[in-house]
C-alpha atoms as a PDB file:
ATOM      1  CA  MET A   1    -121.172  64.152  -1.270  1.00  0.00           C
ATOM      2  CA  LEU A   2    -119.406  64.016  -4.655  1.00  0.00           C
ATOM      3  CA  ILE A   3    -117.252  60.913  -4.067  1.00  0.00           C
ATOM      4  CA  ARG A   4    -120.171  59.068  -2.486  1.00  0.00           C
ATOM      5  CA  PHE A   5    -122.304  60.022  -5.503  1.00  0.00           C
ATOM      6  CA  PHE A   6    -119.793  58.486  -7.962  1.00  0.00           C
ATOM      7  CA  LYS A   7    -119.460  55.259  -5.994  1.00  0.00           C
ATOM      8  CA  SER A   8    -122.455  54.107  -8.033  1.00  0.00           C
ATOM      9  CA  SER A   9    -122.635  53.929 -11.817  1.00  0.00           C
ATOM     10  CA  PHE A  10    -126.077  54.676 -13.177  1.00  0.00           C
ATOM     11  CA  TYR A  11    -127.132  56.867 -16.102  1.00  0.00           C
ATOM     12  CA  LEU A  12    -127.250  59.947 -13.869  1.00  0.00           C
ATOM     13  CA  GLN A  13    -123.628  59.495 -12.783  1.00  0.00           C
ATOM     14  CA  TYR A  14    -122.472  59.088 -16.395  1.00  0.00           C
ATOM     15  CA  LEU A  15    -124.320  62.242 -17.406  1.00  0.00           C
ATOM     16  CA  PHE A  16    -122.959  64.192 -14.465  1.00  0.00           C
ATOM     17  CA  LEU A  17    -119.431  62.989 -15.275  1.00  0.00           C
ATOM     18  CA  ILE A  18    -119.675  64.391 -18.804  1.00  0.00           C
ATOM     19  CA  VAL A  19    -121.073  67.671 -17.445  1.00  0.00           C
ATOM     20  CA  ILE A  20    -118.115  68.025 -15.062  1.00  0.00           C
ATOM     21  CA  ALA A  21    -115.645  67.279 -17.874  1.00  0.00           C
ATOM     22  CA  ALA A  22    -117.300  69.898 -20.097  1.00  0.00           C
ATOM     23  CA  SER A  23    -117.212  72.437 -17.233  1.00  0.00           C
ATOM     24  CA  LEU A  24    -113.514  71.843 -16.632  1.00  0.00           C
ATOM     25  CA  TRP A  25    -112.830  72.291 -20.353  1.00  0.00           C
ATOM     26  CA  ILE A  26    -115.135  75.259 -20.970  1.00  0.00           C
ATOM     27  CA  CYS A  27    -112.265  77.677 -21.582  1.00  0.00           C
ATOM     28  CA  ALA A  28    -110.980  75.369 -24.318  1.00  0.00           C
ATOM     29  CA  TYR A  29    -113.935  76.668 -26.369  1.00  0.00           C
ATOM     30  CA  THR A  30    -114.431  80.187 -25.021  1.00  0.00           C
ATOM     31  CA  ALA A  31    -110.801  81.304 -24.581  1.00  0.00           C
ATOM     32  CA  PRO A  32    -108.447  78.565 -25.770  1.00  0.00           C
ATOM     33  CA  CYS A  33    -104.807  78.852 -24.748  1.00  0.00           C
ATOM     34  CA  LEU A  34    -103.492  75.364 -25.523  1.00  0.00           C
ATOM     35  CA  GLU A  35     -99.706  75.129 -25.262  1.00  0.00           C
ATOM     36  CA  ILE A  36     -98.240  72.245 -27.277  1.00  0.00           C
ATOM     37  CA  ASN A  37     -94.683  71.235 -26.388  1.00  0.00           C
ATOM     38  CA  ALA A  38     -93.736  68.566 -28.905  1.00  0.00           C
ATOM     39  CA  GLY A  39     -90.442  68.239 -30.741  1.00  0.00           C
ATOM     40  CA  PRO A  40     -89.265  66.026 -33.622  1.00  0.00           C
ATOM     41  CA  GLU A  41     -88.766  63.177 -31.135  1.00  0.00           C
ATOM     42  CA  SER A  42     -92.583  62.837 -31.053  1.00  0.00           C
ATOM     43  CA  PRO A  43     -93.221  61.958 -34.727  1.00  0.00           C
ATOM     44  CA  LEU A  44     -96.689  60.405 -34.428  1.00  0.00           C
ATOM     45  CA  PHE A  45     -98.071  63.417 -32.582  1.00  0.00           C
ATOM     46  CA  LEU A  46     -96.635  65.785 -35.205  1.00  0.00           C
ATOM     47  CA  LEU A  47     -98.129  63.584 -37.913  1.00  0.00           C
ATOM     48  CA  LEU A  48    -101.493  63.735 -36.133  1.00  0.00           C
ATOM     49  CA  LEU A  49    -101.326  67.532 -35.997  1.00  0.00           C
ATOM     50  CA  GLN A  50    -100.609  67.689 -39.718  1.00  0.00           C
ATOM     51  CA  SER A  51    -103.566  65.434 -40.533  1.00  0.00           C
ATOM     52  CA  LEU A  52    -106.076  67.510 -38.541  1.00  0.00           C
ATOM     53  CA  PRO A  53    -107.549  70.848 -39.654  1.00  0.00           C
ATOM     54  CA  ASP A  54    -105.680  73.777 -38.142  1.00  0.00           C
ATOM     55  CA  GLU A  55    -108.638  74.802 -36.004  1.00  0.00           C
ATOM     56  CA  VAL A  56    -108.527  75.282 -32.234  1.00  0.00           C
ATOM     57  CA  LEU A  57    -112.073  73.923 -31.923  1.00  0.00           C
ATOM     58  CA  VAL A  58    -110.967  70.639 -33.515  1.00  0.00           C
ATOM     59  CA  PHE A  59    -108.168  70.251 -30.954  1.00  0.00           C
ATOM     60  CA  SER A  60    -110.576  71.064 -28.121  1.00  0.00           C
ATOM     61  CA  ILE A  61    -113.336  68.653 -29.154  1.00  0.00           C
ATOM     62  CA  SER A  62    -110.994  65.775 -30.003  1.00  0.00           C
ATOM     63  CA  GLY A  63    -109.052  66.321 -26.778  1.00  0.00           C
ATOM     64  CA  LEU A  64    -112.205  66.261 -24.635  1.00  0.00           C
ATOM     65  CA  PHE A  65    -113.528  63.116 -26.318  1.00  0.00           C
ATOM     66  CA  LEU A  66    -110.145  61.439 -25.851  1.00  0.00           C
ATOM     67  CA  LEU A  67    -110.063  62.420 -22.177  1.00  0.00           C
ATOM     68  CA  ILE A  68    -113.536  60.992 -21.498  1.00  0.00           C
ATOM     69  CA  ALA A  69    -112.696  57.796 -23.407  1.00  0.00           C
ATOM     70  CA  GLU A  70    -109.497  57.317 -21.400  1.00  0.00           C
ATOM     71  CA  ALA A  71    -111.385  57.923 -18.148  1.00  0.00           C
ATOM     72  CA  PHE A  72    -113.923  55.188 -18.940  1.00  0.00           C
ATOM     73  CA  ILE A  73    -111.215  52.770 -20.101  1.00  0.00           C
ATOM     74  CA  LEU A  74    -109.154  53.326 -16.940  1.00  0.00           C
ATOM     75  CA  ASN A  75    -112.280  52.901 -14.817  1.00  0.00           C
ATOM     76  CA  PHE A  76    -113.054  49.589 -16.545  1.00  0.00           C
ATOM     77  CA  ILE A  77    -109.463  48.337 -16.183  1.00  0.00           C
ATOM     78  CA  LEU A  78    -109.287  49.030 -12.444  1.00  0.00           C
ATOM     79  CA  ILE A  79    -112.600  47.217 -11.939  1.00  0.00           C
ATOM     80  CA  ARG A  80    -111.545  44.290 -14.138  1.00  0.00           C
ATOM     81  CA  HIS A  81    -108.377  43.753 -12.117  1.00  0.00           C
ATOM     82  CA  GLU A  82    -110.351  44.067  -8.856  1.00  0.00           C
ATOM     83  CA  ILE A  83    -108.372  47.105  -7.715  1.00  0.00           C
ATOM     84  CA  VAL A  84    -111.577  49.085  -7.112  1.00  0.00           C
ATOM     85  CA  PRO A  85    -115.093  47.756  -6.394  1.00  0.00           C
ATOM     86  CA  LYS A  86    -117.575  47.031  -9.172  1.00  0.00           C
ATOM     87  CA  ASN A  87    -120.148  49.590 -10.339  1.00  0.00           C
ATOM     88  CA  THR A  88    -118.107  52.663  -9.417  1.00  0.00           C
ATOM     89  CA  LEU A  89    -117.119  55.734 -11.415  1.00  0.00           C
ATOM     90  CA  VAL A  90    -114.677  57.113  -8.870  1.00  0.00           C
ATOM     91  CA  PRO A  91    -111.579  56.384 -11.037  1.00  0.00           C
ATOM     92  CA  ALA A  92    -113.193  58.144 -14.012  1.00  0.00           C
ATOM     93  CA  ILE A  93    -114.039  61.365 -12.150  1.00  0.00           C
ATOM     94  CA  VAL A  94    -110.645  61.487 -10.409  1.00  0.00           C
ATOM     95  CA  PHE A  95    -108.843  60.944 -13.731  1.00  0.00           C
ATOM     96  CA  ILE A  96    -110.811  63.688 -15.485  1.00  0.00           C
ATOM     97  CA  VAL A  97    -110.128  66.219 -12.718  1.00  0.00           C
ATOM     98  CA  MET A  98    -106.423  65.338 -12.466  1.00  0.00           C
ATOM     99  CA  MET A  99    -105.934  65.488 -16.254  1.00  0.00           C
ATOM    100  CA  SER A 100    -107.648  68.902 -16.498  1.00  0.00           C
ATOM    101  CA  GLN A 101    -105.272  70.607 -14.101  1.00  0.00           C
ATOM    102  CA  SER A 102    -104.145  73.501 -16.321  1.00  0.00           C
ATOM    103  CA  PRO A 103    -105.784  75.633 -19.061  1.00  0.00           C
ATOM    104  CA  LEU A 104    -102.572  75.310 -21.082  1.00  0.00           C
ATOM    105  CA  MET A 105    -103.163  71.557 -21.419  1.00  0.00           C
ATOM    106  CA  LEU A 106    -106.856  71.622 -22.344  1.00  0.00           C
ATOM    107  CA  GLY A 107    -106.872  70.219 -25.831  1.00  0.00           C
ATOM    108  CA  LEU A 108    -105.157  67.610 -27.917  1.00  0.00           C
ATOM    109  CA  ASN A 109    -101.647  67.422 -26.455  1.00  0.00           C
ATOM    110  CA  PRO A 110     -98.833  64.819 -26.629  1.00  0.00           C
ATOM    111  CA  VAL A 111     -99.347  63.494 -23.086  1.00  0.00           C
ATOM    112  CA  LEU A 112    -103.099  63.025 -23.554  1.00  0.00           C
ATOM    113  CA  CYS A 113    -102.520  61.128 -26.813  1.00  0.00           C
ATOM    114  CA  ALA A 114     -99.837  58.956 -25.232  1.00  0.00           C
ATOM    115  CA  GLY A 115    -102.109  58.364 -22.244  1.00  0.00           C
ATOM    116  CA  LEU A 116    -104.439  56.091 -24.210  1.00  0.00           C
ATOM    117  CA  PHE A 117    -101.579  53.718 -25.075  1.00  0.00           C
ATOM    118  CA  ILE A 118    -100.129  53.928 -21.560  1.00  0.00           C
ATOM    119  CA  ILE A 119    -103.447  52.951 -19.940  1.00  0.00           C
ATOM    120  CA  LEU A 120    -103.861  50.007 -22.318  1.00  0.00           C
ATOM    121  CA  ALA A 121    -100.246  48.976 -21.655  1.00  0.00           C
ATOM    122  CA  ILE A 122    -100.770  49.039 -17.884  1.00  0.00           C
ATOM    123  CA  ASP A 123    -103.792  46.786 -18.395  1.00  0.00           C
ATOM    124  CA  ARG A 124    -101.619  44.295 -20.266  1.00  0.00           C
ATOM    125  CA  ILE A 125     -98.919  44.438 -17.572  1.00  0.00           C
ATOM    126  CA  LEU A 126    -101.430  43.890 -14.765  1.00  0.00           C
ATOM    127  CA  ASN A 127    -102.815  40.970 -16.758  1.00  0.00           C
ATOM    128  CA  THR A 128     -99.461  39.139 -16.556  1.00  0.00           C
ATOM    129  CA  TYR A 129     -99.891  38.471 -12.832  1.00  0.00           C
ATOM    130  CA  GLY A 130    -100.375  34.777 -12.111  1.00  0.00           C
ATOM    131  CA  LYS A 131     -99.974  33.701 -15.739  1.00  0.00           C
ATOM    132  CA  ALA A 132     -97.756  30.740 -16.555  1.00  0.00           C
ATOM    133  CA  ASP A 133     -96.943  32.222 -19.971  1.00  0.00           C
ATOM    134  CA  PRO A 134     -97.255  36.045 -19.985  1.00  0.00           C
ATOM    135  CA  THR A 135     -95.308  36.562 -23.221  1.00  0.00           C
ATOM    136  CA  LYS A 136     -98.326  37.692 -25.272  1.00  0.00           C
ATOM    137  CA  ASP A 137     -99.293  40.355 -22.724  1.00  0.00           C
ATOM    138  CA  VAL A 138     -95.676  41.458 -22.239  1.00  0.00           C
ATOM    139  CA  PHE A 139     -95.180  41.883 -25.978  1.00  0.00           C
ATOM    140  CA  SER A 140     -98.442  43.848 -26.285  1.00  0.00           C
ATOM    141  CA  ALA A 141     -97.480  46.106 -23.351  1.00  0.00           C
ATOM    142  CA  ALA A 142     -94.057  46.779 -24.854  1.00  0.00           C
ATOM    143  CA  VAL A 143     -95.548  47.660 -28.244  1.00  0.00           C
ATOM    144  CA  LEU A 144     -98.166  49.952 -26.661  1.00  0.00           C
ATOM    145  CA  LEU A 145     -95.606  51.836 -24.551  1.00  0.00           C
ATOM    146  CA  ALA A 146     -93.315  52.178 -27.559  1.00  0.00           C
ATOM    147  CA  MET A 147     -96.244  53.619 -29.524  1.00  0.00           C
ATOM    148  CA  ALA A 148     -96.949  56.003 -26.647  1.00  0.00           C
ATOM    149  CA  SER A 149     -93.340  57.222 -26.748  1.00  0.00           C
ATOM    150  CA  LEU A 150     -93.846  58.246 -30.384  1.00  0.00           C
ATOM    151  CA  PHE A 151     -96.499  60.681 -29.171  1.00  0.00           C
ATOM    152  CA  HIS A 152     -94.592  61.810 -26.059  1.00  0.00           C
ATOM    153  CA  PHE A 153     -90.990  60.604 -26.028  1.00  0.00           C
ATOM    154  CA  PRO A 154     -90.356  60.819 -22.224  1.00  0.00           C
ATOM    155  CA  VAL A 155     -92.652  57.782 -21.939  1.00  0.00           C
ATOM    156  CA  VAL A 156     -89.423  55.773 -22.485  1.00  0.00           C
ATOM    157  CA  PHE A 157     -88.972  56.105 -18.698  1.00  0.00           C
ATOM    158  CA  ILE A 158     -92.122  54.023 -18.217  1.00  0.00           C
ATOM    159  CA  PHE A 159     -90.511  51.122 -20.113  1.00  0.00           C
ATOM    160  CA  LEU A 160     -88.962  50.329 -16.722  1.00  0.00           C
ATOM    161  CA  VAL A 161     -92.423  49.436 -15.401  1.00  0.00           C
ATOM    162  CA  ILE A 162     -92.445  46.379 -17.677  1.00  0.00           C
ATOM    163  CA  PHE A 163     -89.067  45.165 -16.449  1.00  0.00           C
ATOM    164  CA  LEU A 164     -89.955  45.848 -12.817  1.00  0.00           C
ATOM    165  CA  SER A 165     -93.195  43.871 -13.180  1.00  0.00           C
ATOM    166  CA  PHE A 166     -91.101  40.768 -13.861  1.00  0.00           C
ATOM    167  CA  ILE A 167     -89.675  41.053 -10.331  1.00  0.00           C
ATOM    168  CA  ILE A 168     -92.872  42.133  -8.543  1.00  0.00           C
ATOM    169  CA  PHE A 169     -95.104  39.548 -10.253  1.00  0.00           C
ATOM    170  CA  GLY A 170     -92.449  36.817 -10.324  1.00  0.00           C
ATOM    171  CA  THR A 171     -92.681  36.332 -14.090  1.00  0.00           C
ATOM    172  CA  PHE A 172     -89.015  36.911 -14.954  1.00  0.00           C
ATOM    173  CA  SER A 173     -87.303  34.677 -17.447  1.00  0.00           C
ATOM    174  CA  ILE A 174     -84.786  35.344 -20.194  1.00  0.00           C
ATOM    175  CA  ARG A 175     -87.478  34.541 -22.759  1.00  0.00           C
ATOM    176  CA  VAL A 176     -89.989  37.026 -21.322  1.00  0.00           C
ATOM    177  CA  PHE A 177     -87.280  39.690 -21.032  1.00  0.00           C
ATOM    178  CA  LEU A 178     -86.290  39.241 -24.685  1.00  0.00           C
ATOM    179  CA  VAL A 179     -89.959  39.342 -25.716  1.00  0.00           C
ATOM    180  CA  SER A 180     -90.359  42.735 -24.012  1.00  0.00           C
ATOM    181  CA  LEU A 181     -87.281  44.062 -25.804  1.00  0.00           C
ATOM    182  CA  SER A 182     -88.542  42.731 -29.122  1.00  0.00           C
ATOM    183  CA  GLY A 183     -91.848  44.582 -28.661  1.00  0.00           C
ATOM    184  CA  ILE A 184     -90.018  47.883 -28.211  1.00  0.00           C
ATOM    185  CA  PHE A 185     -87.598  47.062 -31.015  1.00  0.00           C
ATOM    186  CA  THR A 186     -90.444  46.240 -33.426  1.00  0.00           C
ATOM    187  CA  VAL A 187     -91.983  49.709 -33.155  1.00  0.00           C
ATOM    188  CA  TYR A 188     -88.669  51.519 -33.441  1.00  0.00           C
ATOM    189  CA  LEU A 189     -87.632  49.349 -36.378  1.00  0.00           C
ATOM    190  CA  TYR A 190     -90.621  50.689 -38.317  1.00  0.00           C
ATOM    191  CA  LEU A 191     -89.685  54.208 -37.217  1.00  0.00           C
ATOM    192  CA  PHE A 192     -86.115  53.619 -38.397  1.00  0.00           C
ATOM    193  CA  LEU A 193     -87.377  52.418 -41.777  1.00  0.00           C
ATOM    194  CA  ALA A 194     -89.659  55.447 -42.111  1.00  0.00           C
ATOM    195  CA  TYR A 195     -86.759  57.819 -41.462  1.00  0.00           C
ATOM    196  CA  PHE A 196     -84.547  55.820 -43.814  1.00  0.00           C
ATOM    197  CA  MET A 197     -87.108  55.937 -46.634  1.00  0.00           C
ATOM    198  CA  THR A 198     -87.542  59.706 -46.213  1.00  0.00           C
ATOM    199  CA  ASP A 199     -83.772  60.287 -46.075  1.00  0.00           C
ATOM    200  CA  SER A 200     -83.962  61.918 -42.644  1.00  0.00           C
ATOM    201  CA  LEU A 201     -82.219  59.259 -40.567  1.00  0.00           C
ATOM    202  CA  SER A 202     -79.081  61.231 -39.726  1.00  0.00           C
ATOM    203  CA  GLY A 203     -81.032  64.311 -38.650  1.00  0.00           C
ATOM    204  CA  GLN A 204     -83.345  62.307 -36.408  1.00  0.00           C
ATOM    205  CA  TYR A 205     -80.389  60.475 -34.861  1.00  0.00           C
ATOM    206  CA  CYS A 206     -78.968  63.844 -33.812  1.00  0.00           C
ATOM    207  CA  THR A 207     -82.373  64.821 -32.390  1.00  0.00           C
ATOM    208  CA  TYR A 208     -82.506  61.804 -30.077  1.00  0.00           C
ATOM    209  CA  GLU A 209     -78.834  62.133 -29.174  1.00  0.00           C
ATOM    210  CA  ASN A 210     -79.326  65.764 -28.172  1.00  0.00           C
ATOM    211  CA  TRP A 211     -82.453  64.886 -26.168  1.00  0.00           C
ATOM    212  CA  PHE A 212     -80.578  62.383 -24.016  1.00  0.00           C
ATOM    213  CA  SER A 213     -77.389  64.450 -23.685  1.00  0.00           C
ATOM    214  CA  ASN A 214     -79.033  67.767 -22.748  1.00  0.00           C
ATOM    215  CA  ILE A 215     -80.543  67.856 -19.261  1.00  0.00           C
ATOM    216  CA  PRO A 216     -82.444  71.149 -18.831  1.00  0.00           C
ATOM    217  CA  GLY A 217     -82.880  72.877 -15.521  1.00  0.00           C
ATOM    218  CA  ILE A 218     -86.236  72.703 -13.769  1.00  0.00           C
ATOM    219  CA  ASP A 219     -88.290  75.783 -14.530  1.00  0.00           C
ATOM    220  CA  ILE A 220     -91.699  75.918 -12.828  1.00  0.00           C
ATOM    221  CA  LYS A 221     -93.556  79.124 -13.602  1.00  0.00           C
ATOM    222  CA  ALA A 222     -97.209  79.188 -12.665  1.00  0.00           C
ATOM    223  CA  TYR A 223     -99.975  81.461 -11.442  1.00  0.00           C
ATOM    224  CA  TYR A 224    -100.871  81.192  -7.739  1.00  0.00           C
ATOM    225  CA  MET A 225    -104.174  79.464  -8.549  1.00  0.00           C
ATOM    226  CA  GLN A 226    -102.241  76.760 -10.408  1.00  0.00           C
ATOM    227  CA  TYR A 227    -100.176  76.146  -7.279  1.00  0.00           C
ATOM    228  CA  MET A 228    -103.421  75.768  -5.345  1.00  0.00           C
ATOM    229  CA  VAL A 229    -104.607  73.112  -7.805  1.00  0.00           C
ATOM    230  CA  TRP A 230    -101.343  71.209  -7.429  1.00  0.00           C
ATOM    231  CA  GLY A 231    -101.515  71.659  -3.657  1.00  0.00           C
ATOM    232  CA  TRP A 232    -104.956  70.058  -3.310  1.00  0.00           C
ATOM    233  CA  ALA A 233    -103.969  67.261  -5.699  1.00  0.00           C
ATOM    234  CA  ALA A 234    -100.769  66.622  -3.732  1.00  0.00           C
ATOM    235  CA  LEU A 235    -102.713  66.577  -0.467  1.00  0.00           C
ATOM    236  CA  LEU A 236    -105.113  63.942  -1.786  1.00  0.00           C
ATOM    237  CA  PHE A 237    -102.239  61.915  -3.236  1.00  0.00           C
ATOM    238  CA  LEU A 238    -100.321  61.961   0.058  1.00  0.00           C
ATOM    239  CA  ALA A 239    -103.445  60.992   2.022  1.00  0.00           C
ATOM    240  CA  ALA A 240    -104.042  58.093  -0.380  1.00  0.00           C
ATOM    241  CA  SER A 241    -100.392  56.992  -0.250  1.00  0.00           C
ATOM    242  CA  PHE A 242    -100.228  57.005   3.559  1.00  0.00           C
ATOM    243  CA  TYR A 243    -103.540  55.170   3.839  1.00  0.00           C
ATOM    244  CA  LEU A 244    -102.559  52.452   1.372  1.00  0.00           C
ATOM    245  CA  ALA A 245     -99.111  52.042   2.937  1.00  0.00           C
ATOM    246  CA  SER A 246    -100.590  51.632   6.423  1.00  0.00           C
ATOM    247  CA  HIS A 247    -103.446  49.316   5.375  1.00  0.00           C
ATOM    248  CA  LEU A 248    -101.708  47.311   2.653  1.00  0.00           C
ATOM    249  CA  ASN A 249    -101.514  44.145   4.769  1.00  0.00           C
ATOM    250  CA  GLU A 250    -105.303  44.076   4.993  1.00  0.00           C
ATOM    251  CA  TRP A 251    -105.608  43.122   1.318  1.00  0.00           C
ATOM    252  CA  ASN A 252    -104.558  39.963  -0.497  1.00  0.00           C
ATOM    253  CA  ILE A 253    -101.139  39.551  -2.089  1.00  0.00           C
ATOM    254  CA  SER A 254    -102.304  40.163  -5.670  1.00  0.00           C
ATOM    255  CA  PHE A 255    -103.794  43.532  -4.655  1.00  0.00           C
ATOM    256  CA  ARG A 256    -100.595  44.507  -2.823  1.00  0.00           C
ATOM    257  CA  LYS A 257     -98.406  43.678  -5.807  1.00  0.00           C
ATOM    258  CA  ARG A 258    -100.596  45.623  -8.204  1.00  0.00           C
ATOM    259  CA  ILE A 259    -100.548  48.672  -5.917  1.00  0.00           C
ATOM    260  CA  LEU A 260     -96.765  48.400  -5.644  1.00  0.00           C
ATOM    261  CA  LEU A 261     -96.470  48.357  -9.438  1.00  0.00           C
ATOM    262  CA  ILE A 262     -98.745  51.408  -9.793  1.00  0.00           C
ATOM    263  CA  THR A 263     -96.603  53.225  -7.211  1.00  0.00           C
ATOM    264  CA  TRP A 264     -93.478  52.576  -9.270  1.00  0.00           C
ATOM    265  CA  PHE A 265     -95.441  53.695 -12.328  1.00  0.00           C
ATOM    266  CA  PHE A 266     -95.907  57.054 -10.601  1.00  0.00           C
ATOM    267  CA  ILE A 267     -92.213  57.265  -9.649  1.00  0.00           C
ATOM    268  CA  PHE A 268     -91.047  56.577 -13.204  1.00  0.00           C
ATOM    269  CA  SER A 269     -93.608  59.018 -14.615  1.00  0.00           C
ATOM    270  CA  PHE A 270     -92.475  61.807 -12.324  1.00  0.00           C
ATOM    271  CA  SER A 271     -88.840  60.967 -13.158  1.00  0.00           C
ATOM    272  CA  THR A 272     -89.429  62.345 -16.653  1.00  0.00           C
ATOM    273  CA  LEU A 273     -88.889  65.730 -14.987  1.00  0.00           C
ATOM    274  CA  ILE A 274     -85.168  65.080 -15.557  1.00  0.00           C
ATOM    275  CA  TYR A 275     -85.637  65.762 -19.264  1.00  0.00           C
ATOM    276  CA  GLU A 276     -88.871  67.761 -19.043  1.00  0.00           C
ATOM    277  CA  GLY A 277     -87.613  70.410 -16.627  1.00  0.00           C
ATOM    278  CA  GLU A 278     -88.533  73.217 -18.997  1.00  0.00           C
ATOM    279  CA  HIS A 279     -92.036  71.824 -19.524  1.00  0.00           C
ATOM    280  CA  PHE A 280     -93.198  70.902 -16.031  1.00  0.00           C
ATOM    281  CA  LEU A 281     -96.841  70.730 -17.134  1.00  0.00           C
ATOM    282  CA  ASN A 282     -96.004  67.738 -19.345  1.00  0.00           C
ATOM    283  CA  THR A 283     -94.512  65.894 -16.368  1.00  0.00           C
ATOM    284  CA  ALA A 284     -97.416  66.877 -14.112  1.00  0.00           C
ATOM    285  CA  LEU A 285     -99.927  65.578 -16.658  1.00  0.00           C
ATOM    286  CA  LEU A 286     -98.050  62.319 -17.221  1.00  0.00           C
ATOM    287  CA  ALA A 287     -97.706  61.711 -13.468  1.00  0.00           C
ATOM    288  CA  ALA A 288    -101.425  62.449 -13.076  1.00  0.00           C
ATOM    289  CA  VAL A 289    -102.252  59.099 -14.733  1.00  0.00           C
ATOM    290  CA  PRO A 290    -100.796  56.859 -11.974  1.00  0.00           C
ATOM    291  CA  ALA A 291    -101.611  59.462  -9.303  1.00  0.00           C
ATOM    292  CA  SER A 292    -105.292  59.307 -10.245  1.00  0.00           C
ATOM    293  CA  MET A 293    -105.135  55.513  -9.974  1.00  0.00           C
ATOM    294  CA  ILE A 294    -103.691  55.672  -6.449  1.00  0.00           C
ATOM    295  CA  ILE A 295    -106.209  58.304  -5.314  1.00  0.00           C
ATOM    296  CA  SER A 296    -109.049  56.278  -6.865  1.00  0.00           C
ATOM    297  CA  VAL A 297    -108.025  53.125  -4.998  1.00  0.00           C
ATOM    298  CA  TYR A 298    -108.056  55.091  -1.753  1.00  0.00           C
ATOM    299  CA  LEU A 299    -111.428  56.761  -2.337  1.00  0.00           C
ATOM    300  CA  ALA A 300    -113.250  53.810  -3.890  1.00  0.00           C
ATOM    301  CA  ASN A 301    -112.176  51.160  -1.379  1.00  0.00           C
ATOM    302  CA  ARG A 302    -113.056  53.066   1.769  1.00  0.00           C
ATOM    303  CA  ARG A 303    -116.493  52.172   3.058  1.00  0.00           C
ATOM    304  CA  LYS A 304    -117.017  55.702   4.301  1.00  0.00           C
ATOM    305  CA  VAL A 305    -114.974  58.598   2.956  1.00  0.00           C
ATOM    306  CA  SER A 306    -114.414  61.237   5.632  1.00  0.00           C
ATOM    307  CA  LEU A 307    -116.003  64.649   5.273  1.00  0.00           C
ATOM    308  CA  LEU A 308    -112.527  66.224   5.200  1.00  0.00           C
ATOM    309  CA  ILE A 309    -111.484  64.172   2.176  1.00  0.00           C
ATOM    310  CA  GLU A 310    -114.782  64.943   0.438  1.00  0.00           C
ATOM    311  CA  ILE A 311    -114.143  68.651   1.010  1.00  0.00           C
ATOM    312  CA  CYS A 312    -110.554  68.359  -0.254  1.00  0.00           C
ATOM    313  CA  PHE A 313    -111.701  66.725  -3.484  1.00  0.00           C
ATOM    314  CA  LEU A 314    -114.470  69.278  -3.936  1.00  0.00           C
ATOM    315  CA  LEU A 315    -111.950  72.096  -3.399  1.00  0.00           C
ATOM    316  CA  LEU A 316    -109.649  70.476  -5.967  1.00  0.00           C
ATOM    317  CA  LEU A 317    -112.509  70.426  -8.467  1.00  0.00           C
ATOM    318  CA  LEU A 318    -113.550  74.027  -7.761  1.00  0.00           C
ATOM    319  CA  THR A 319    -110.009  75.457  -7.859  1.00  0.00           C
ATOM    320  CA  THR A 320    -109.385  73.600 -11.118  1.00  0.00           C
ATOM    321  CA  VAL A 321    -112.509  75.100 -12.697  1.00  0.00           C
ATOM    322  CA  ILE A 322    -111.601  78.588 -11.449  1.00  0.00           C
ATOM    323  CA  ASN A 323    -108.007  78.205 -12.616  1.00  0.00           C
ATOM    324  CA  ASN A 324    -109.063  77.040 -16.059  1.00  0.00           C
ATOM    325  CA  ILE A 325    -111.546  79.888 -16.518  1.00  0.00           C
ATOM    326  CA  PHE A 326    -109.819  82.856 -14.882  1.00  0.00           C
ATOM    327  CA  SER A 327    -106.126  82.021 -15.229  1.00  0.00           C
ATOM    328  CA  PRO A 328    -104.167  85.067 -16.561  1.00  0.00           C
ATOM    329  CA  VAL A 329    -102.074  82.825 -18.809  1.00  0.00           C
ATOM    330  CA  CYS A 330    -104.960  82.687 -21.306  1.00  0.00           C
END
C-alpha cells in the first residue's frame, strides 16, 4: 500500500509526494486560517514577516516549499547516517503528514522556519559519532540551534540534545563542551549587539526574563477531528517506539546510539510544553520533527509492514486531509 509504495524513490514517488503535500495544504489557498504565535523573543521570524509582502498566498506558497525542502533534507540525512535504507522516501512522506497536522499551522510559521535549522543541526550532531575531533560539527550544531531559537525561542530546550550527545556518543571533553557553548554564545552576541545598536536592549531583556519566569497553564482546545489526527499519530508513534525498544539489540551499536539520541530529541521537544502551554499546536509541531524520524525508522526498516500499520497510516493521512479542509476553526 502507501508505505510500501514510498519504500522506493523513483520519479513517480517524488511526484506523488508533492501531490500529497499539496492536498494536505489545499485549504491554505482556498480558505486560509493560519495562526501565527510569535512574540518578540522570536526576532528573526518577525523580521522575516516584515520583509515579506502581507499576502496570505505568499505565506502559503513559501510555507509549502519550505515543508517539502525540509522533508527531502531529512530524508537524505537519515539515509546518509544509515538510519533508514537507501532509495526510500518513507521519512519524507511521514514528515510531511506529521507537519501538516492542523489547518492553523498551514503556512509560514515559527516552528516550520526553525525546523530547517533544527534538521541541519541534528545532522551535525549525528555526524560527531566516532569522530576523534568533533569540534567543528559541535560548533556548527550549536550555531544552527541558536539560529533556530531566534525563529522559535522554545528551541532552547533542544540545546540539551547537544550536551547529551557528548555522553551517548562518548565525545565529552571540556574543550568540546566549551566549543558548544561558544557556538550558542556567538549567535546571541550578535543578537545582543543588534539590540544594543537599536537601543532596545533593556526592553528585550525584560521580554526574555518574563518568558522564563511565567509558566502558563496547559490549554488544549481542539475540534474532535483534530483529536483524531493526534490519536492516529500517537498510535503510530507508540507502535514505532515499542518496536524499536524491543528490537534495538538486533542493530549495531552506532544505530542504537543514534536512535537513543533521537528519542531524547523528542523528549526535549515535547518538554517545550512547559512554556508553550497556551499554544499547544507549536509544541505538537515541534515534537512532530523527532516523532516523524522515529516512525520513519520503524516503517522503513521493516521488511514487511503489517496491513494494520498501513491502514493506520492511511487513516492518519485521510483524517489530516479532512481536518484541514472541513475543520470549523477556519
